[in-house]
Amino acid sequence: SELIYAKAFQNPQDKKWYLLWGSCYEPINIQELNHDLTGFREGSAPVHLLVPDPANKLTKLYEAAWMTARKDTKTGKTWFYLYTSGPDAFGDESYTVQVARSEEGPLSGFVTMEQATGRKNSVIYASNAAFVNPGASAITVDDAGQEWLVSHATLRSDVPDYASLRQSPDELWKRLRYLRRVMIIDPIAYKDGWPVIGNATPSMTPQNAPAKSRRPQNDPLPSR
């Protein structure tokens, strides 16, 4: 079903809450929630944010949508970023994280990085020598205000016969389908108004951990 990967998002400008969802070759949708987040606001309707392209191997399936909002300190403009993953977490290095953005708000105006920059695709995070098919990502912020991409991926070392398995896509898919996927995190930077994660793959060397303030026990976490 496409009714999976549901994520809530609050617009920092008007404080309204929305629900994002989508997968299974269907569009990524968003719809406004009611005040107590237990259902959709009366009179609201789903809005398609991204529609998959069956002819494009990278965008034939979108899923795991996650939205953030960030004010550009240079221009003062607030951008809404829509992260997605796809198309296949168990294919041959076929799962990546991609990004689109909008200056109109959470309901419209999303343009992919490929469309906006002329790049060959909108991928910002992909497989490397250590991690296969990173994605299904979330974004969190540490106590220093640094954004982090939180994803899961397969360890390539768990598939020592990967090179031979990739000759048989069905067998590779079956193997990857039932292997563990580990959690990984990487810091997000910005360049020309677009998120950048290292060299567009998971880090393979030790990194500084997310910043954490010392807080008294039971002291609530700061809001974003």
C-alpha atoms as a PDB file:
ATOM      1  CA  SER A   1       0.000   0.000   0.000  1.00  0.00           C
ATOM      2  CA  GLU A   2       1.085   3.594  -0.603  1.00  0.00           C
ATOM      3  CA  LEU A   3      -0.307   4.478   2.849  1.00  0.00           C
ATOM      4  CA  ILE A   4       3.053   3.970   4.568  1.00  0.00           C
ATOM      5  CA  TYR A   5       5.995   6.021   5.797  1.00  0.00           C
ATOM      6  CA  ALA A   6       3.684   8.540   7.435  1.00  0.00           C
ATOM      7  CA  LYS A   7       5.538  11.519   8.918  1.00  0.00           C
ATOM      8  CA  ALA A   8       4.198  14.607  10.666  1.00  0.00           C
ATOM      9  CA  PHE A   9       5.558  18.071   9.902  1.00  0.00           C
ATOM     10  CA  GLN A  10       4.853  21.405  11.575  1.00  0.00           C
ATOM     11  CA  ASN A  11       5.208  24.541   9.473  1.00  0.00           C
ATOM     12  CA  PRO A  12       7.298  26.901  11.637  1.00  0.00           C
ATOM     13  CA  GLN A  13       5.702  29.926   9.986  1.00  0.00           C
ATOM     14  CA  ASP A  14       2.049  29.324  10.854  1.00  0.00           C
ATOM     15  CA  LYS A  15       2.439  26.371  13.284  1.00  0.00           C
ATOM     16  CA  LYS A  16       0.036  24.182  11.278  1.00  0.00           C
ATOM     17  CA  TRP A  17       0.636  20.441  11.273  1.00  0.00           C
ATOM     18  CA  TYR A  18       0.657  18.201   8.216  1.00  0.00           C
ATOM     19  CA  LEU A  19       1.003  14.509   7.455  1.00  0.00           C
ATOM     20  CA  LEU A  20       3.226  13.231   4.648  1.00  0.00           C
ATOM     21  CA  TRP A  21       3.029   9.734   3.218  1.00  0.00           C
ATOM     22  CA  GLY A  22       3.573   7.687   0.070  1.00  0.00           C
ATOM     23  CA  SER A  23       5.338   4.760  -1.605  1.00  0.00           C
ATOM     24  CA  CYS A  24       4.508   1.841  -3.942  1.00  0.00           C
ATOM     25  CA  TYR A  25       4.852   3.866  -7.170  1.00  0.00           C
ATOM     26  CA  GLU A  26       2.245   6.365  -5.962  1.00  0.00           C
ATOM     27  CA  PRO A  27       2.787  10.121  -5.342  1.00  0.00           C
ATOM     28  CA  ILE A  28       4.193  11.620  -2.172  1.00  0.00           C
ATOM     29  CA  ASN A  29       1.193  13.244  -0.491  1.00  0.00           C
ATOM     30  CA  ILE A  30       0.658  15.866   2.177  1.00  0.00           C
ATOM     31  CA  GLN A  31      -2.516  16.870   4.011  1.00  0.00           C
ATOM     32  CA  GLU A  32      -3.245  19.244   6.872  1.00  0.00           C
ATOM     33  CA  LEU A  33      -3.996  17.684  10.258  1.00  0.00           C
ATOM     34  CA  ASN A  34      -6.522  18.898  12.801  1.00  0.00           C
ATOM     35  CA  HIS A  35      -5.449  20.668  15.981  1.00  0.00           C
ATOM     36  CA  ASP A  36      -5.049  17.500  18.085  1.00  0.00           C
ATOM     37  CA  LEU A  37      -3.271  15.547  15.314  1.00  0.00           C
ATOM     38  CA  THR A  38      -5.786  12.693  15.489  1.00  0.00           C
ATOM     39  CA  GLY A  39      -7.201  13.204  12.007  1.00  0.00           C
ATOM     40  CA  PHE A  40      -7.209  15.455   8.989  1.00  0.00           C
ATOM     41  CA  ARG A  41      -8.589  18.981   9.144  1.00  0.00           C
ATOM     42  CA  GLU A  42     -12.162  19.093   7.936  1.00  0.00           C
ATOM     43  CA  GLY A  43     -12.275  20.326   4.374  1.00  0.00           C
ATOM     44  CA  SER A  44      -8.636  19.507   3.657  1.00  0.00           C
ATOM     45  CA  ALA A  45      -7.556  17.118   0.903  1.00  0.00           C
ATOM     46  CA  PRO A  46      -4.358  15.283  -0.058  1.00  0.00           C
ATOM     47  CA  VAL A  47      -1.936  17.232  -2.231  1.00  0.00           C
ATOM     48  CA  HIS A  48       0.583  15.522  -4.523  1.00  0.00           C
ATOM     49  CA  LEU A  49       4.074  16.903  -3.883  1.00  0.00           C
ATOM     50  CA  LEU A  50       6.125  14.536  -6.041  1.00  0.00           C
ATOM     51  CA  VAL A  51       4.856  12.147  -8.705  1.00  0.00           C
ATOM     52  CA  PRO A  52       7.071   9.192  -9.678  1.00  0.00           C
ATOM     53  CA  ASP A  53       8.300   8.805 -13.236  1.00  0.00           C
ATOM     54  CA  PRO A  54       8.038   5.156 -14.395  1.00  0.00           C
ATOM     55  CA  ALA A  55      10.603   5.803 -17.125  1.00  0.00           C
ATOM     56  CA  ASN A  56      13.314   7.031 -14.722  1.00  0.00           C
ATOM     57  CA  LYS A  57      15.148   4.349 -12.741  1.00  0.00           C
ATOM     58  CA  LEU A  58      15.948   6.767  -9.919  1.00  0.00           C
ATOM     59  CA  THR A  59      12.499   8.332  -9.544  1.00  0.00           C
ATOM     60  CA  LYS A  60      10.126   5.530 -10.486  1.00  0.00           C
ATOM     61  CA  LEU A  61       9.352   5.163  -6.772  1.00  0.00           C
ATOM     62  CA  TYR A  62       9.463   7.757  -4.017  1.00  0.00           C
ATOM     63  CA  GLU A  63       9.026   6.890  -0.339  1.00  0.00           C
ATOM     64  CA  ALA A  64      10.041   7.808   3.204  1.00  0.00           C
ATOM     65  CA  ALA A  65       9.305  11.518   2.715  1.00  0.00           C
ATOM     66  CA  TRP A  66      10.662  13.869   5.371  1.00  0.00           C
ATOM     67  CA  MET A  67      10.226  17.644   5.378  1.00  0.00           C
ATOM     68  CA  THR A  68      12.238  20.384   7.029  1.00  0.00           C
ATOM     69  CA  ALA A  69      12.192  24.182   6.881  1.00  0.00           C
ATOM     70  CA  ARG A  70      15.292  26.360   7.020  1.00  0.00           C
ATOM     71  CA  LYS A  71      15.835  30.091   6.820  1.00  0.00           C
ATOM     72  CA  ASP A  72      18.697  31.104   4.558  1.00  0.00           C
ATOM     73  CA  THR A  73      20.820  33.458   6.635  1.00  0.00           C
ATOM     74  CA  LYS A  74      22.128  35.240   3.538  1.00  0.00           C
ATOM     75  CA  THR A  75      18.807  35.952   1.813  1.00  0.00           C
ATOM     76  CA  GLY A  76      16.367  35.733   4.724  1.00  0.00           C
ATOM     77  CA  LYS A  77      14.236  33.408   2.622  1.00  0.00           C
ATOM     78  CA  THR A  78      12.683  30.286   4.185  1.00  0.00           C
ATOM     79  CA  TRP A  79      13.037  27.125   2.131  1.00  0.00           C
ATOM     80  CA  PHE A  80      11.057  23.946   2.630  1.00  0.00           C
ATOM     81  CA  TYR A  81      13.068  20.803   1.890  1.00  0.00           C
ATOM     82  CA  LEU A  82      11.507  17.489   0.919  1.00  0.00           C
ATOM     83  CA  TYR A  83      13.764  14.457   1.329  1.00  0.00           C
ATOM     84  CA  THR A  84      12.740  11.134  -0.240  1.00  0.00           C
ATOM     85  CA  SER A  85      14.275   7.706  -0.777  1.00  0.00           C
ATOM     86  CA  GLY A  86      13.896   5.139  -3.522  1.00  0.00           C
ATOM     87  CA  PRO A  87      13.392   3.199  -5.588  1.00  0.00           C
ATOM     88  CA  ASP A  88      14.429  -0.173  -4.079  1.00  0.00           C
ATOM     89  CA  ALA A  89      16.187  -0.755  -0.751  1.00  0.00           C
ATOM     90  CA  PHE A  90      17.057  -4.300  -1.828  1.00  0.00           C
ATOM     91  CA  GLY A  91      18.224  -3.655  -5.382  1.00  0.00           C
ATOM     92  CA  ASP A  92      21.751  -3.358  -6.747  1.00  0.00           C
ATOM     93  CA  GLU A  93      22.869  -0.053  -5.211  1.00  0.00           C
ATOM     94  CA  SER A  94      19.501   1.314  -6.277  1.00  0.00           C
ATOM     95  CA  TYR A  95      18.380   3.071  -3.076  1.00  0.00           C
ATOM     96  CA  THR A  96      19.393   6.695  -2.550  1.00  0.00           C
ATOM     97  CA  VAL A  97      18.289   9.849  -0.766  1.00  0.00           C
ATOM     98  CA  GLN A  98      17.116  12.682  -3.014  1.00  0.00           C
ATOM     99  CA  VAL A  99      15.914  16.199  -2.300  1.00  0.00           C
ATOM    100  CA  ALA A 100      13.522  18.840  -3.613  1.00  0.00           C
ATOM    101  CA  ARG A 101      12.734  22.273  -2.196  1.00  0.00           C
ATOM    102  CA  SER A 102      10.058  24.972  -2.265  1.00  0.00           C
ATOM    103  CA  GLU A 103       9.916  28.628  -1.324  1.00  0.00           C
ATOM    104  CA  GLU A 104       6.105  28.654  -1.443  1.00  0.00           C
ATOM    105  CA  GLY A 105       5.459  26.487   1.623  1.00  0.00           C
ATOM    106  CA  PRO A 106       4.788  22.836   2.455  1.00  0.00           C
ATOM    107  CA  LEU A 107       1.892  22.381   0.020  1.00  0.00           C
ATOM    108  CA  SER A 108       3.278  23.471  -3.338  1.00  0.00           C
ATOM    109  CA  GLY A 109       6.158  24.636  -5.461  1.00  0.00           C
ATOM    110  CA  PHE A 110       8.601  21.789  -4.943  1.00  0.00           C
ATOM    111  CA  VAL A 111      11.408  21.640  -7.484  1.00  0.00           C
ATOM    112  CA  THR A 112      13.934  18.821  -7.474  1.00  0.00           C
ATOM    113  CA  MET A 113      17.642  19.531  -7.273  1.00  0.00           C
ATOM    114  CA  GLU A 114      17.980  18.120 -10.772  1.00  0.00           C
ATOM    115  CA  GLN A 115      15.364  20.513 -12.147  1.00  0.00           C
ATOM    116  CA  ALA A 116      16.756  23.538 -10.323  1.00  0.00           C
ATOM    117  CA  THR A 117      20.464  23.051 -10.953  1.00  0.00           C
ATOM    118  CA  GLY A 118      20.718  21.047 -14.162  1.00  0.00           C
ATOM    119  CA  ARG A 119      22.484  18.202 -12.413  1.00  0.00           C
ATOM    120  CA  LYS A 120      22.000  14.713 -13.803  1.00  0.00           C
ATOM    121  CA  ASN A 121      19.897  13.756 -10.741  1.00  0.00           C
ATOM    122  CA  SER A 122      18.817  14.900  -7.274  1.00  0.00           C
ATOM    123  CA  VAL A 123      20.788  12.298  -5.295  1.00  0.00           C
ATOM    124  CA  ILE A 124      22.568  13.581  -2.180  1.00  0.00           C
ATOM    125  CA  TYR A 125      23.322  10.223  -0.479  1.00  0.00           C
ATOM    126  CA  ALA A 126      24.181   6.916  -2.145  1.00  0.00           C
ATOM    127  CA  SER A 127      26.027   3.592  -1.740  1.00  0.00           C
ATOM    128  CA  ASN A 128      29.781   3.346  -1.258  1.00  0.00           C
ATOM    129  CA  ALA A 129      32.399   0.692  -0.464  1.00  0.00           C
ATOM    130  CA  ALA A 130      31.083   0.158   3.058  1.00  0.00           C
ATOM    131  CA  PHE A 131      27.321   0.836   2.940  1.00  0.00           C
ATOM    132  CA  VAL A 132      24.738  -0.335   0.409  1.00  0.00           C
ATOM    133  CA  ASN A 133      21.407   1.357  -0.277  1.00  0.00           C
ATOM    134  CA  PRO A 134      21.343   4.056   2.420  1.00  0.00           C
ATOM    135  CA  GLY A 135      18.011   5.777   2.880  1.00  0.00           C
ATOM    136  CA  ALA A 136      14.591   5.900   4.539  1.00  0.00           C
ATOM    137  CA  SER A 137      16.048   8.914   6.268  1.00  0.00           C
ATOM    138  CA  ALA A 138      14.975  11.260   9.026  1.00  0.00           C
ATOM    139  CA  ILE A 139      16.511  14.595   9.966  1.00  0.00           C
ATOM    140  CA  THR A 140      17.226  15.621  13.527  1.00  0.00           C
ATOM    141  CA  VAL A 141      18.958  18.617  15.109  1.00  0.00           C
ATOM    142  CA  ASP A 142      21.516  18.447  17.907  1.00  0.00           C
ATOM    143  CA  ASP A 143      21.912  20.908  20.763  1.00  0.00           C
ATOM    144  CA  ALA A 144      24.330  23.032  18.740  1.00  0.00           C
ATOM    145  CA  GLY A 145      21.774  23.460  15.949  1.00  0.00           C
ATOM    146  CA  GLN A 146      23.528  21.068  13.559  1.00  0.00           C
ATOM    147  CA  GLU A 147      21.218  19.018  11.332  1.00  0.00           C
ATOM    148  CA  TRP A 148      21.903  15.281  10.964  1.00  0.00           C
ATOM    149  CA  LEU A 149      20.673  12.818   8.372  1.00  0.00           C
ATOM    150  CA  VAL A 150      19.655   9.588  10.121  1.00  0.00           C
ATOM    151  CA  SER A 151      19.357   6.627   7.762  1.00  0.00           C
ATOM    152  CA  HIS A 152      19.677   2.872   7.577  1.00  0.00           C
ATOM    153  CA  ALA A 153      21.791   0.821   5.192  1.00  0.00           C
ATOM    154  CA  THR A 154      23.157  -2.653   4.552  1.00  0.00           C
ATOM    155  CA  LEU A 155      26.780  -3.328   5.439  1.00  0.00           C
ATOM    156  CA  ARG A 156      28.614  -4.432   2.329  1.00  0.00           C
ATOM    157  CA  SER A 157      30.748  -6.672   4.544  1.00  0.00           C
ATOM    158  CA  ASP A 158      27.592  -8.668   5.321  1.00  0.00           C
ATOM    159  CA  VAL A 159      27.460  -9.660   1.631  1.00  0.00           C
ATOM    160  CA  PRO A 160      30.967 -10.979   0.849  1.00  0.00           C
ATOM    161  CA  ASP A 161      29.716 -12.467  -2.428  1.00  0.00           C
ATOM    162  CA  TYR A 162      28.073  -9.217  -3.574  1.00  0.00           C
ATOM    163  CA  ALA A 163      30.072  -9.094  -6.811  1.00  0.00           C
ATOM    164  CA  SER A 164      28.803 -12.483  -7.944  1.00  0.00           C
ATOM    165  CA  LEU A 165      25.269 -11.989  -6.609  1.00  0.00           C
ATOM    166  CA  ARG A 166      24.783  -8.833  -8.654  1.00  0.00           C
ATOM    167  CA  GLN A 167      24.892 -11.024 -11.764  1.00  0.00           C
ATOM    168  CA  SER A 168      21.523 -12.374 -10.620  1.00  0.00           C
ATOM    169  CA  PRO A 169      19.312  -9.440  -9.534  1.00  0.00           C
ATOM    170  CA  ASP A 170      16.603 -11.718  -8.117  1.00  0.00           C
ATOM    171  CA  GLU A 171      19.065 -13.571  -5.897  1.00  0.00           C
ATOM    172  CA  LEU A 172      20.669 -10.321  -4.747  1.00  0.00           C
ATOM    173  CA  TRP A 173      17.253  -8.887  -3.873  1.00  0.00           C
ATOM    174  CA  LYS A 174      16.378 -11.975  -1.828  1.00  0.00           C
ATOM    175  CA  ARG A 175      19.665 -11.775   0.074  1.00  0.00           C
ATOM    176  CA  LEU A 176      19.397  -8.068   0.830  1.00  0.00           C
ATOM    177  CA  ARG A 177      15.723  -8.365   1.779  1.00  0.00           C
ATOM    178  CA  TYR A 178      16.524 -10.469   4.830  1.00  0.00           C
ATOM    179  CA  LEU A 179      19.808  -8.940   5.940  1.00  0.00           C
ATOM    180  CA  ARG A 180      20.085  -6.522   8.841  1.00  0.00           C
ATOM    181  CA  ARG A 181      20.194  -2.806   8.069  1.00  0.00           C
ATOM    182  CA  VAL A 182      22.221  -0.674  10.450  1.00  0.00           C
ATOM    183  CA  MET A 183      21.542   2.895  11.540  1.00  0.00           C
ATOM    184  CA  ILE A 184      23.963   5.546  10.286  1.00  0.00           C
ATOM    185  CA  ILE A 185      24.141   9.316  10.764  1.00  0.00           C
ATOM    186  CA  ASP A 186      25.931  12.108   8.930  1.00  0.00           C
ATOM    187  CA  PRO A 187      25.929  15.902   9.355  1.00  0.00           C
ATOM    188  CA  ILE A 188      24.114  18.055   6.810  1.00  0.00           C
ATOM    189  CA  ALA A 189      25.776  21.146   5.359  1.00  0.00           C
ATOM    190  CA  TYR A 190      24.364  23.567   2.798  1.00  0.00           C
ATOM    191  CA  LYS A 191      25.815  24.809  -0.462  1.00  0.00           C
ATOM    192  CA  ASP A 192      24.011  27.254  -2.740  1.00  0.00           C
ATOM    193  CA  GLY A 193      20.840  26.654  -0.755  1.00  0.00           C
ATOM    194  CA  TRP A 194      20.894  22.854  -1.098  1.00  0.00           C
ATOM    195  CA  PRO A 195      21.722  20.198   1.524  1.00  0.00           C
ATOM    196  CA  VAL A 196      25.064  18.448   1.151  1.00  0.00           C
ATOM    197  CA  ILE A 197      26.207  15.347   3.017  1.00  0.00           C
ATOM    198  CA  GLY A 198      29.971  14.845   2.803  1.00  0.00           C
ATOM    199  CA  ASN A 199      30.856  13.425  -0.613  1.00  0.00           C
ATOM    200  CA  ALA A 200      27.239  12.273  -1.130  1.00  0.00           C
ATOM    201  CA  THR A 201      27.809   8.923   0.554  1.00  0.00           C
ATOM    202  CA  PRO A 202      27.861   7.711   4.169  1.00  0.00           C
ATOM    203  CA  SER A 203      31.033   8.648   6.057  1.00  0.00           C
ATOM    204  CA  MET A 204      33.570   5.832   6.335  1.00  0.00           C
ATOM    205  CA  THR A 205      35.853   7.332   8.976  1.00  0.00           C
ATOM    206  CA  PRO A 206      35.184   8.348  12.612  1.00  0.00           C
ATOM    207  CA  GLN A 207      33.233  11.605  12.932  1.00  0.00           C
ATOM    208  CA  ASN A 208      32.415  13.957  15.787  1.00  0.00           C
ATOM    209  CA  ALA A 209      29.208  12.952  17.548  1.00  0.00           C
ATOM    210  CA  PRO A 210      26.117  15.177  17.681  1.00  0.00           C
ATOM    211  CA  ALA A 211      26.421  17.907  20.301  1.00  0.00           C
ATOM    212  CA  LYS A 212      24.566  17.336  23.548  1.00  0.00           C
ATOM    213  CA  SER A 213      24.097  19.902  26.295  1.00  0.00           C
ATOM    214  CA  ARG A 214      24.207  18.994  29.935  1.00  0.00           C
ATOM    215  CA  ARG A 215      20.664  19.282  31.254  1.00  0.00           C
ATOM    216  CA  PRO A 216      19.199  18.419  34.627  1.00  0.00           C
ATOM    217  CA  GLN A 217      17.370  15.125  34.745  1.00  0.00           C
ATOM    218  CA  ASN A 218      13.718  15.441  33.591  1.00  0.00           C
ATOM    219  CA  ASP A 219      14.449  18.797  31.935  1.00  0.00           C
ATOM    220  CA  PRO A 220      12.535  18.795  28.634  1.00  0.00           C
ATOM    221  CA  LEU A 221      14.398  18.861  25.342  1.00  0.00           C
ATOM    222  CA  PRO A 222      14.449  22.256  23.627  1.00  0.00           C
ATOM    223  CA  SER A 223      11.981  22.753  20.821  1.00  0.00           C
ATOM    224  CA  ARG A 224      13.259  23.410  17.304  1.00  0.00           C
END
